[in-house]
């Protein structure tokens, strides 16, 4: 994990006083040295270790998806955004707060949030990221409404419209091929 990411998540925990952060990725966080380093970074930022949770890994995909029932808001990692995890969170009714970066891998979650009508959950700056998480956590009615509608938003979004997606990929290939054919020296 990047220190910058941990620092920003610590700021979110500071802004949302009753919050806890769940860190989960297979058995990664059961490496003692990594866990201790992460807890040390949070302690340095003034966040007590009892607010950082490392749940047992799930044995099945079903258990993994059920575990989203324990999560109110997902904080997207950066500079490499979630992709599968972002889709999983949204499909399980968990809103995702993302930080928009400069590269494809740091803009994936923002694209997904845009497609489900939640681009305001994609922050352009670290300060916006903290404010977005704080504001959503503080608005329980909005959070409840999002949780109830996210799956439908996702499944009715352009991301789930296979024919439209296929047409856009085909058009991109045709455009790339056309540009390649007209270049004197392909790049």
C-alpha atoms as a PDB file:
ATOM      1  CA  UNK A   1       0.000   0.000   0.000  1.00  0.00           C
ATOM      2  CA  UNK A   2       1.128   3.476  -0.726  1.00  0.00           C
ATOM      3  CA  UNK A   3       1.718   5.886   2.157  1.00  0.00           C
ATOM      4  CA  UNK A   4      -0.231   8.576   0.308  1.00  0.00           C
ATOM      5  CA  UNK A   5      -3.233   6.249   0.133  1.00  0.00           C
ATOM      6  CA  UNK A   6      -3.007   5.365   3.831  1.00  0.00           C
ATOM      7  CA  UNK A   7      -2.664   9.047   4.727  1.00  0.00           C
ATOM      8  CA  UNK A   8      -5.798   9.910   2.765  1.00  0.00           C
ATOM      9  CA  UNK A   9      -7.756   7.049   4.308  1.00  0.00           C
ATOM     10  CA  UNK A  10      -6.601   8.259   7.742  1.00  0.00           C
ATOM     11  CA  UNK A  11      -8.023  11.673   6.877  1.00  0.00           C
ATOM     12  CA  UNK A  12     -11.350  10.024   6.017  1.00  0.00           C
ATOM     13  CA  UNK A  13     -11.320   8.163   9.347  1.00  0.00           C
ATOM     14  CA  UNK A  14     -10.571  11.451  11.118  1.00  0.00           C
ATOM     15  CA  UNK A  15     -13.448  13.179   9.295  1.00  0.00           C
ATOM     16  CA  UNK A  16     -15.924  10.371  10.040  1.00  0.00           C
ATOM     17  CA  UNK A  17     -15.293   9.813  13.737  1.00  0.00           C
ATOM     18  CA  UNK A  18     -17.282   6.616  14.228  1.00  0.00           C
ATOM     19  CA  UNK A  19     -15.941   4.936  11.102  1.00  0.00           C
ATOM     20  CA  UNK A  20     -13.722   1.919  10.779  1.00  0.00           C
ATOM     21  CA  UNK A  21     -11.696   0.793   7.791  1.00  0.00           C
ATOM     22  CA  UNK A  22     -11.851  -2.792   6.578  1.00  0.00           C
ATOM     23  CA  UNK A  23      -8.769  -3.933   4.652  1.00  0.00           C
ATOM     24  CA  UNK A  24      -9.254  -7.186   2.833  1.00  0.00           C
ATOM     25  CA  UNK A  25      -7.490  -8.900  -0.022  1.00  0.00           C
ATOM     26  CA  UNK A  26      -7.225 -12.670   0.142  1.00  0.00           C
ATOM     27  CA  UNK A  27      -4.586 -13.392   2.808  1.00  0.00           C
ATOM     28  CA  UNK A  28      -2.384 -10.370   2.043  1.00  0.00           C
ATOM     29  CA  UNK A  29      -3.071  -8.574   5.309  1.00  0.00           C
ATOM     30  CA  UNK A  30      -2.188 -11.622   7.360  1.00  0.00           C
ATOM     31  CA  UNK A  31       1.487 -10.995   6.634  1.00  0.00           C
ATOM     32  CA  UNK A  32       2.565  -9.691  10.029  1.00  0.00           C
ATOM     33  CA  UNK A  33       5.127  -7.203   8.753  1.00  0.00           C
ATOM     34  CA  UNK A  34       2.644  -5.635   6.325  1.00  0.00           C
ATOM     35  CA  UNK A  35      -0.123  -5.476   8.899  1.00  0.00           C
ATOM     36  CA  UNK A  36       2.205  -3.883  11.461  1.00  0.00           C
ATOM     37  CA  UNK A  37       3.450  -1.332   8.924  1.00  0.00           C
ATOM     38  CA  UNK A  38      -0.126  -0.365   8.018  1.00  0.00           C
ATOM     39  CA  UNK A  39      -1.176  -0.106  11.659  1.00  0.00           C
ATOM     40  CA  UNK A  40       1.940   1.981  12.362  1.00  0.00           C
ATOM     41  CA  UNK A  41       1.083   4.402   9.555  1.00  0.00           C
ATOM     42  CA  UNK A  42      -2.426   4.840  10.916  1.00  0.00           C
ATOM     43  CA  UNK A  43      -1.136   5.264  14.463  1.00  0.00           C
ATOM     44  CA  UNK A  44       1.263   7.972  13.245  1.00  0.00           C
ATOM     45  CA  UNK A  45      -1.761   9.694  11.685  1.00  0.00           C
ATOM     46  CA  UNK A  46      -3.617   9.520  15.017  1.00  0.00           C
ATOM     47  CA  UNK A  47      -5.932   6.626  14.138  1.00  0.00           C
ATOM     48  CA  UNK A  48      -6.100   3.862  16.746  1.00  0.00           C
ATOM     49  CA  UNK A  49      -5.579   0.320  15.571  1.00  0.00           C
ATOM     50  CA  UNK A  50      -9.026  -0.786  16.773  1.00  0.00           C
ATOM     51  CA  UNK A  51     -10.482   1.225  13.863  1.00  0.00           C
ATOM     52  CA  UNK A  52      -8.564  -0.823  11.273  1.00  0.00           C
ATOM     53  CA  UNK A  53     -10.109  -4.241  10.649  1.00  0.00           C
ATOM     54  CA  UNK A  54      -8.549  -7.215   8.898  1.00  0.00           C
ATOM     55  CA  UNK A  55     -11.338  -9.772   8.458  1.00  0.00           C
ATOM     56  CA  UNK A  56     -10.652 -13.423   7.833  1.00  0.00           C
ATOM     57  CA  UNK A  57     -10.397 -14.204   4.132  1.00  0.00           C
ATOM     58  CA  UNK A  58     -13.513 -15.600   2.497  1.00  0.00           C
ATOM     59  CA  UNK A  59     -13.314 -19.127   1.170  1.00  0.00           C
ATOM     60  CA  UNK A  60     -15.914 -18.689  -1.559  1.00  0.00           C
ATOM     61  CA  UNK A  61     -17.090 -15.935  -3.870  1.00  0.00           C
ATOM     62  CA  UNK A  62     -20.500 -16.191  -2.215  1.00  0.00           C
ATOM     63  CA  UNK A  63     -18.969 -15.454   1.204  1.00  0.00           C
ATOM     64  CA  UNK A  64     -16.943 -12.634  -0.306  1.00  0.00           C
ATOM     65  CA  UNK A  65     -20.021 -10.991  -1.809  1.00  0.00           C
ATOM     66  CA  UNK A  66     -21.961 -11.440   1.435  1.00  0.00           C
ATOM     67  CA  UNK A  67     -19.205  -9.588   3.283  1.00  0.00           C
ATOM     68  CA  UNK A  68     -20.245  -6.401   1.458  1.00  0.00           C
ATOM     69  CA  UNK A  69     -23.267  -6.409   3.787  1.00  0.00           C
ATOM     70  CA  UNK A  70     -20.877  -5.247   6.524  1.00  0.00           C
ATOM     71  CA  UNK A  71     -19.616  -2.288   4.469  1.00  0.00           C
ATOM     72  CA  UNK A  72     -21.393   1.068   4.261  1.00  0.00           C
ATOM     73  CA  UNK A  73     -19.060   2.890   1.859  1.00  0.00           C
ATOM     74  CA  UNK A  74     -16.127   1.560  -0.154  1.00  0.00           C
ATOM     75  CA  UNK A  75     -13.003   3.703  -0.427  1.00  0.00           C
ATOM     76  CA  UNK A  76     -11.448   3.045  -3.789  1.00  0.00           C
ATOM     77  CA  UNK A  77      -7.685   2.494  -3.799  1.00  0.00           C
ATOM     78  CA  UNK A  78      -5.362   4.614  -5.859  1.00  0.00           C
ATOM     79  CA  UNK A  79      -3.327   5.157  -7.959  1.00  0.00           C
ATOM     80  CA  UNK A  80      -4.705   1.835  -9.227  1.00  0.00           C
ATOM     81  CA  UNK A  81      -8.494   1.946  -8.930  1.00  0.00           C
ATOM     82  CA  UNK A  82     -10.603  -1.061  -8.351  1.00  0.00           C
ATOM     83  CA  UNK A  83     -12.255  -2.597 -11.363  1.00  0.00           C
ATOM     84  CA  UNK A  84     -13.713  -5.939 -10.356  1.00  0.00           C
ATOM     85  CA  UNK A  85     -13.994  -4.768  -6.748  1.00  0.00           C
ATOM     86  CA  UNK A  86     -15.744  -1.561  -7.807  1.00  0.00           C
ATOM     87  CA  UNK A  87     -18.299  -3.508  -9.843  1.00  0.00           C
ATOM     88  CA  UNK A  88     -18.736  -5.974  -6.965  1.00  0.00           C
ATOM     89  CA  UNK A  89     -19.283  -3.190  -4.428  1.00  0.00           C
ATOM     90  CA  UNK A  90     -21.804  -1.402  -6.640  1.00  0.00           C
ATOM     91  CA  UNK A  91     -23.637  -4.641  -7.433  1.00  0.00           C
ATOM     92  CA  UNK A  92     -23.894  -5.367  -3.710  1.00  0.00           C
ATOM     93  CA  UNK A  93     -25.317  -1.904  -3.015  1.00  0.00           C
ATOM     94  CA  UNK A  94     -22.165  -0.334  -1.626  1.00  0.00           C
ATOM     95  CA  UNK A  95     -21.316   3.133  -2.963  1.00  0.00           C
ATOM     96  CA  UNK A  96     -17.686   3.709  -3.901  1.00  0.00           C
ATOM     97  CA  UNK A  97     -15.697   6.907  -3.343  1.00  0.00           C
ATOM     98  CA  UNK A  98     -12.960   7.249  -5.982  1.00  0.00           C
ATOM     99  CA  UNK A  99     -10.059   9.610  -6.564  1.00  0.00           C
ATOM    100  CA  UNK A 100      -9.640  10.455 -10.255  1.00  0.00           C
ATOM    101  CA  UNK A 101      -6.071  10.120 -11.481  1.00  0.00           C
ATOM    102  CA  UNK A 102      -4.209  10.818 -14.732  1.00  0.00           C
ATOM    103  CA  UNK A 103      -3.971   7.294 -16.154  1.00  0.00           C
ATOM    104  CA  UNK A 104      -6.424   4.690 -17.382  1.00  0.00           C
ATOM    105  CA  UNK A 105      -5.998   2.536 -14.281  1.00  0.00           C
ATOM    106  CA  UNK A 106      -6.613   5.546 -12.048  1.00  0.00           C
ATOM    107  CA  UNK A 107      -9.810   6.536 -13.849  1.00  0.00           C
ATOM    108  CA  UNK A 108     -11.645   3.198 -14.085  1.00  0.00           C
ATOM    109  CA  UNK A 109     -13.841   3.687 -11.043  1.00  0.00           C
ATOM    110  CA  UNK A 110     -14.759   7.237 -12.095  1.00  0.00           C
ATOM    111  CA  UNK A 111     -15.929   5.862 -15.444  1.00  0.00           C
ATOM    112  CA  UNK A 112     -18.070   3.261 -13.686  1.00  0.00           C
ATOM    113  CA  UNK A 113     -19.507   5.854 -11.305  1.00  0.00           C
ATOM    114  CA  UNK A 114     -20.319   8.124 -14.255  1.00  0.00           C
ATOM    115  CA  UNK A 115     -22.202   5.290 -15.960  1.00  0.00           C
ATOM    116  CA  UNK A 116     -24.368   4.684 -12.878  1.00  0.00           C
ATOM    117  CA  UNK A 117     -25.072   8.404 -12.442  1.00  0.00           C
ATOM    118  CA  UNK A 118     -22.784   8.894  -9.444  1.00  0.00           C
ATOM    119  CA  UNK A 119     -19.909  10.927 -10.871  1.00  0.00           C
ATOM    120  CA  UNK A 120     -20.107  13.150  -7.774  1.00  0.00           C
ATOM    121  CA  UNK A 121     -18.607  10.203  -5.841  1.00  0.00           C
ATOM    122  CA  UNK A 122     -15.478  10.538  -7.995  1.00  0.00           C
ATOM    123  CA  UNK A 123     -13.266  13.220  -6.485  1.00  0.00           C
ATOM    124  CA  UNK A 124     -10.749  15.310  -8.404  1.00  0.00           C
ATOM    125  CA  UNK A 125      -8.621  16.083  -5.333  1.00  0.00           C
ATOM    126  CA  UNK A 126      -7.771  14.426  -2.014  1.00  0.00           C
ATOM    127  CA  UNK A 127      -9.747  17.123  -0.171  1.00  0.00           C
ATOM    128  CA  UNK A 128     -12.811  16.354  -2.319  1.00  0.00           C
ATOM    129  CA  UNK A 129     -12.325  12.621  -1.611  1.00  0.00           C
ATOM    130  CA  UNK A 130     -12.438  13.233   2.149  1.00  0.00           C
ATOM    131  CA  UNK A 131     -15.400  15.599   1.849  1.00  0.00           C
ATOM    132  CA  UNK A 132     -17.280  13.164  -0.358  1.00  0.00           C
ATOM    133  CA  UNK A 133     -16.805  10.297   2.113  1.00  0.00           C
ATOM    134  CA  UNK A 134     -17.662  12.528   5.093  1.00  0.00           C
ATOM    135  CA  UNK A 135     -20.778  13.938   3.456  1.00  0.00           C
ATOM    136  CA  UNK A 136     -22.080  10.557   2.312  1.00  0.00           C
ATOM    137  CA  UNK A 137     -21.422   8.954   5.703  1.00  0.00           C
ATOM    138  CA  UNK A 138     -23.265  11.841   7.362  1.00  0.00           C
ATOM    139  CA  UNK A 139     -26.350  11.574   5.143  1.00  0.00           C
ATOM    140  CA  UNK A 140     -27.942   8.290   6.177  1.00  0.00           C
ATOM    141  CA  UNK A 141     -31.073   8.840   4.079  1.00  0.00           C
ATOM    142  CA  UNK A 142     -28.965   9.338   0.933  1.00  0.00           C
ATOM    143  CA  UNK A 143     -26.778   6.371   1.804  1.00  0.00           C
ATOM    144  CA  UNK A 144     -29.833   4.155   2.363  1.00  0.00           C
ATOM    145  CA  UNK A 145     -31.368   5.271  -0.949  1.00  0.00           C
ATOM    146  CA  UNK A 146     -28.124   4.559  -2.803  1.00  0.00           C
ATOM    147  CA  UNK A 147     -27.812   1.133  -1.246  1.00  0.00           C
ATOM    148  CA  UNK A 148     -31.338   0.299  -2.370  1.00  0.00           C
ATOM    149  CA  UNK A 149     -30.857   1.460  -5.969  1.00  0.00           C
ATOM    150  CA  UNK A 150     -27.231   0.724  -6.837  1.00  0.00           C
ATOM    151  CA  UNK A 151     -27.726  -2.755  -8.266  1.00  0.00           C
ATOM    152  CA  UNK A 152     -30.488  -1.567 -10.594  1.00  0.00           C
ATOM    153  CA  UNK A 153     -28.454   1.514 -11.577  1.00  0.00           C
ATOM    154  CA  UNK A 154     -25.580  -0.778 -12.459  1.00  0.00           C
ATOM    155  CA  UNK A 155     -27.553  -3.380 -14.388  1.00  0.00           C
ATOM    156  CA  UNK A 156     -29.411  -0.736 -16.406  1.00  0.00           C
ATOM    157  CA  UNK A 157     -26.262   1.287 -17.121  1.00  0.00           C
ATOM    158  CA  UNK A 158     -24.415   1.404 -20.451  1.00  0.00           C
ATOM    159  CA  UNK A 159     -21.781  -0.913 -18.933  1.00  0.00           C
ATOM    160  CA  UNK A 160     -24.331  -3.724 -18.940  1.00  0.00           C
ATOM    161  CA  UNK A 161     -25.651  -3.010 -22.445  1.00  0.00           C
ATOM    162  CA  UNK A 162     -23.653  -5.633 -24.347  1.00  0.00           C
ATOM    163  CA  UNK A 163     -24.784  -4.662 -27.887  1.00  0.00           C
ATOM    164  CA  UNK A 164     -23.919  -0.985 -27.348  1.00  0.00           C
ATOM    165  CA  UNK A 165     -20.581  -1.940 -25.799  1.00  0.00           C
ATOM    166  CA  UNK A 166     -19.779  -4.294 -28.707  1.00  0.00           C
ATOM    167  CA  UNK A 167     -20.642  -1.564 -31.220  1.00  0.00           C
ATOM    168  CA  UNK A 168     -18.364   0.913 -29.435  1.00  0.00           C
ATOM    169  CA  UNK A 169     -15.470  -1.578 -29.443  1.00  0.00           C
ATOM    170  CA  UNK A 170     -16.045  -2.338 -33.136  1.00  0.00           C
ATOM    171  CA  UNK A 171     -16.082   1.404 -33.922  1.00  0.00           C
ATOM    172  CA  UNK A 172     -12.855   1.908 -31.969  1.00  0.00           C
ATOM    173  CA  UNK A 173     -11.177  -0.918 -33.929  1.00  0.00           C
ATOM    174  CA  UNK A 174     -12.383   0.537 -37.248  1.00  0.00           C
ATOM    175  CA  UNK A 175     -11.123   3.998 -36.266  1.00  0.00           C
ATOM    176  CA  UNK A 176      -7.728   2.642 -35.195  1.00  0.00           C
ATOM    177  CA  UNK A 177      -7.430   0.582 -38.378  1.00  0.00           C
ATOM    178  CA  UNK A 178      -8.384   3.590 -40.503  1.00  0.00           C
ATOM    179  CA  UNK A 179      -5.750   5.757 -38.816  1.00  0.00           C
ATOM    180  CA  UNK A 180      -3.133   3.035 -39.223  1.00  0.00           C
ATOM    181  CA  UNK A 181      -3.936   2.627 -42.912  1.00  0.00           C
ATOM    182  CA  UNK A 182      -3.524   6.347 -43.616  1.00  0.00           C
ATOM    183  CA  UNK A 183      -0.194   6.756 -41.859  1.00  0.00           C
ATOM    184  CA  UNK A 184       3.027   6.732 -43.846  1.00  0.00           C
ATOM    185  CA  UNK A 185       4.850   5.139 -40.928  1.00  0.00           C
ATOM    186  CA  UNK A 186       2.677   3.382 -38.384  1.00  0.00           C
ATOM    187  CA  UNK A 187       3.341   4.339 -34.781  1.00  0.00           C
END
